[in-house]
C-alpha atoms as a PDB file:
ATOM      1  CA  MET A   1    -153.570 -29.575  15.345  1.00  0.00           C
ATOM      2  CA  THR A   2    -150.236 -28.179  16.491  1.00  0.00           C
ATOM      3  CA  ALA A   3    -147.374 -27.048  14.254  1.00  0.00           C
ATOM      4  CA  TRP A   4    -145.479 -30.169  15.390  1.00  0.00           C
ATOM      5  CA  GLU A   5    -148.339 -32.459  14.266  1.00  0.00           C
ATOM      6  CA  GLU A   6    -148.585 -30.628  10.953  1.00  0.00           C
ATOM      7  CA  ALA A   7    -145.062 -31.858  10.134  1.00  0.00           C
ATOM      8  CA  CYS A   8    -146.530 -35.322   9.495  1.00  0.00           C
ATOM      9  CA  LYS A   9    -146.385 -36.311   5.815  1.00  0.00           C
ATOM     10  CA  ARG A  10    -149.012 -39.070   6.219  1.00  0.00           C
ATOM     11  CA  CYS A  11    -146.786 -42.040   5.431  1.00  0.00           C
ATOM     12  CA  GLY A  12    -148.810 -43.930   8.024  1.00  0.00           C
ATOM     13  CA  LEU A  13    -145.907 -46.202   8.969  1.00  0.00           C
ATOM     14  CA  CYS A  14    -146.174 -45.279  12.639  1.00  0.00           C
ATOM     15  CA  CYS A  15    -149.734 -46.681  12.528  1.00  0.00           C
ATOM     16  CA  PHE A  16    -148.690 -50.186  11.466  1.00  0.00           C
ATOM     17  CA  GLU A  17    -147.937 -52.858  14.024  1.00  0.00           C
ATOM     18  CA  LYS A  18    -144.304 -53.417  14.873  1.00  0.00           C
ATOM     19  CA  SER A  19    -142.393 -56.563  15.752  1.00  0.00           C
ATOM     20  CA  VAL A  20    -138.797 -57.301  16.656  1.00  0.00           C
ATOM     21  CA  ASP A  21    -136.606 -59.433  14.402  1.00  0.00           C
ATOM     22  CA  LEU A  22    -134.061 -62.026  15.550  1.00  0.00           C
ATOM     23  CA  LYS A  23    -131.375 -59.343  15.774  1.00  0.00           C
ATOM     24  CA  GLY A  24    -133.537 -57.240  18.097  1.00  0.00           C
ATOM     25  CA  GLN A  25    -134.319 -54.664  15.409  1.00  0.00           C
ATOM     26  CA  PRO A  26    -137.822 -53.192  15.089  1.00  0.00           C
ATOM     27  CA  VAL A  27    -139.712 -54.205  11.953  1.00  0.00           C
ATOM     28  CA  THR A  28    -142.871 -52.564  10.619  1.00  0.00           C
ATOM     29  CA  THR A  29    -145.443 -55.217   9.729  1.00  0.00           C
ATOM     30  CA  ARG A  30    -148.124 -55.025   7.033  1.00  0.00           C
ATOM     31  CA  ILE A  31    -150.876 -54.871   9.676  1.00  0.00           C
ATOM     32  CA  PRO A  32    -152.327 -51.374  10.105  1.00  0.00           C
ATOM     33  CA  CYS A  33    -154.166 -50.062  13.123  1.00  0.00           C
ATOM     34  CA  ARG A  34    -157.876 -50.657  12.579  1.00  0.00           C
ATOM     35  CA  HIS A  35    -158.442 -46.885  12.637  1.00  0.00           C
ATOM     36  CA  LEU A  36    -155.973 -46.087   9.846  1.00  0.00           C
ATOM     37  CA  ASP A  37    -157.508 -45.309   6.476  1.00  0.00           C
ATOM     38  CA  ILE A  38    -154.922 -47.041   4.311  1.00  0.00           C
ATOM     39  CA  ILE A  39    -155.801 -44.927   1.267  1.00  0.00           C
ATOM     40  CA  SER A  40    -155.574 -41.441   2.810  1.00  0.00           C
ATOM     41  CA  ARG A  41    -153.136 -42.548   5.562  1.00  0.00           C
ATOM     42  CA  GLU A  42    -155.219 -40.580   8.056  1.00  0.00           C
ATOM     43  CA  CYS A  43    -156.485 -41.798  11.391  1.00  0.00           C
ATOM     44  CA  ARG A  44    -160.269 -42.032  11.500  1.00  0.00           C
ATOM     45  CA  VAL A  45    -160.300 -41.306  15.237  1.00  0.00           C
ATOM     46  CA  TYR A  46    -157.397 -38.832  15.406  1.00  0.00           C
ATOM     47  CA  HIS A  47    -159.189 -36.449  17.769  1.00  0.00           C
ATOM     48  CA  LYS A  48    -159.604 -39.256  20.339  1.00  0.00           C
ATOM     49  CA  ARG A  49    -156.752 -41.582  19.318  1.00  0.00           C
ATOM     50  CA  LEU A  50    -155.164 -41.587  22.752  1.00  0.00           C
ATOM     51  CA  ASP A  51    -158.438 -42.652  24.384  1.00  0.00           C
ATOM     52  CA  VAL A  52    -159.451 -45.608  22.200  1.00  0.00           C
ATOM     53  CA  GLY A  53    -157.108 -48.132  23.808  1.00  0.00           C
ATOM     54  CA  GLU A  54    -155.179 -49.060  20.659  1.00  0.00           C
ATOM     55  CA  GLY A  55    -151.743 -48.343  22.061  1.00  0.00           C
ATOM     56  CA  CYS A  56    -151.399 -45.078  20.157  1.00  0.00           C
ATOM     57  CA  ILE A  57    -148.497 -42.939  21.310  1.00  0.00           C
ATOM     58  CA  LYS A  58    -148.554 -39.174  21.044  1.00  0.00           C
ATOM     59  CA  LEU A  59    -145.346 -38.370  19.194  1.00  0.00           C
ATOM     60  CA  THR A  60    -143.423 -35.582  20.858  1.00  0.00           C
ATOM     61  CA  PRO A  61    -139.865 -34.449  20.063  1.00  0.00           C
ATOM     62  CA  GLU A  62    -138.645 -36.332  23.156  1.00  0.00           C
ATOM     63  CA  ILE A  63    -140.338 -39.586  22.130  1.00  0.00           C
ATOM     64  CA  VAL A  64    -139.291 -39.303  18.476  1.00  0.00           C
ATOM     65  CA  ALA A  65    -135.652 -38.810  19.504  1.00  0.00           C
ATOM     66  CA  LYS A  66    -135.743 -42.222  21.227  1.00  0.00           C
ATOM     67  CA  ALA A  67    -138.129 -44.083  18.893  1.00  0.00           C
ATOM     68  CA  ASP A  68    -135.999 -46.530  16.927  1.00  0.00           C
ATOM     69  CA  TRP A  69    -139.160 -47.951  15.338  1.00  0.00           C
ATOM     70  CA  LEU A  70    -139.930 -44.847  13.272  1.00  0.00           C
ATOM     71  CA  PRO A  71    -138.661 -45.018   9.677  1.00  0.00           C
ATOM     72  CA  ASP A  72    -135.652 -42.856   8.797  1.00  0.00           C
ATOM     73  CA  GLY A  73    -137.805 -40.903   6.339  1.00  0.00           C
ATOM     74  CA  CYS A  74    -140.290 -39.909   9.051  1.00  0.00           C
ATOM     75  CA  ALA A  75    -141.009 -36.183   8.876  1.00  0.00           C
ATOM     76  CA  TYR A  76    -140.893 -35.967  12.665  1.00  0.00           C
ATOM     77  CA  LYS A  77    -137.399 -37.470  12.746  1.00  0.00           C
ATOM     78  CA  LYS A  78    -136.231 -35.117  10.017  1.00  0.00           C
ATOM     79  CA  ARG A  79    -137.562 -32.167  11.991  1.00  0.00           C
ATOM     80  CA  LEU A  80    -135.346 -32.858  15.008  1.00  0.00           C
END
């Protein structure tokens, strides 16, 4: 795990499905990815998460800077 990935505080919100409301704003739903352990907030397939076909996105500083769907309290966003 890289120093960047270690910034994660395990809120798990990036692992819940998103939708768009009537105003075009992203909304986090109550539906988690099937690989998210909702108790520990850890991915059960983290080491191969980008290969399992679930639409997982590797969060990089460039992606986080543009990701309006991440919550304001996201540790990655705070790190920028």
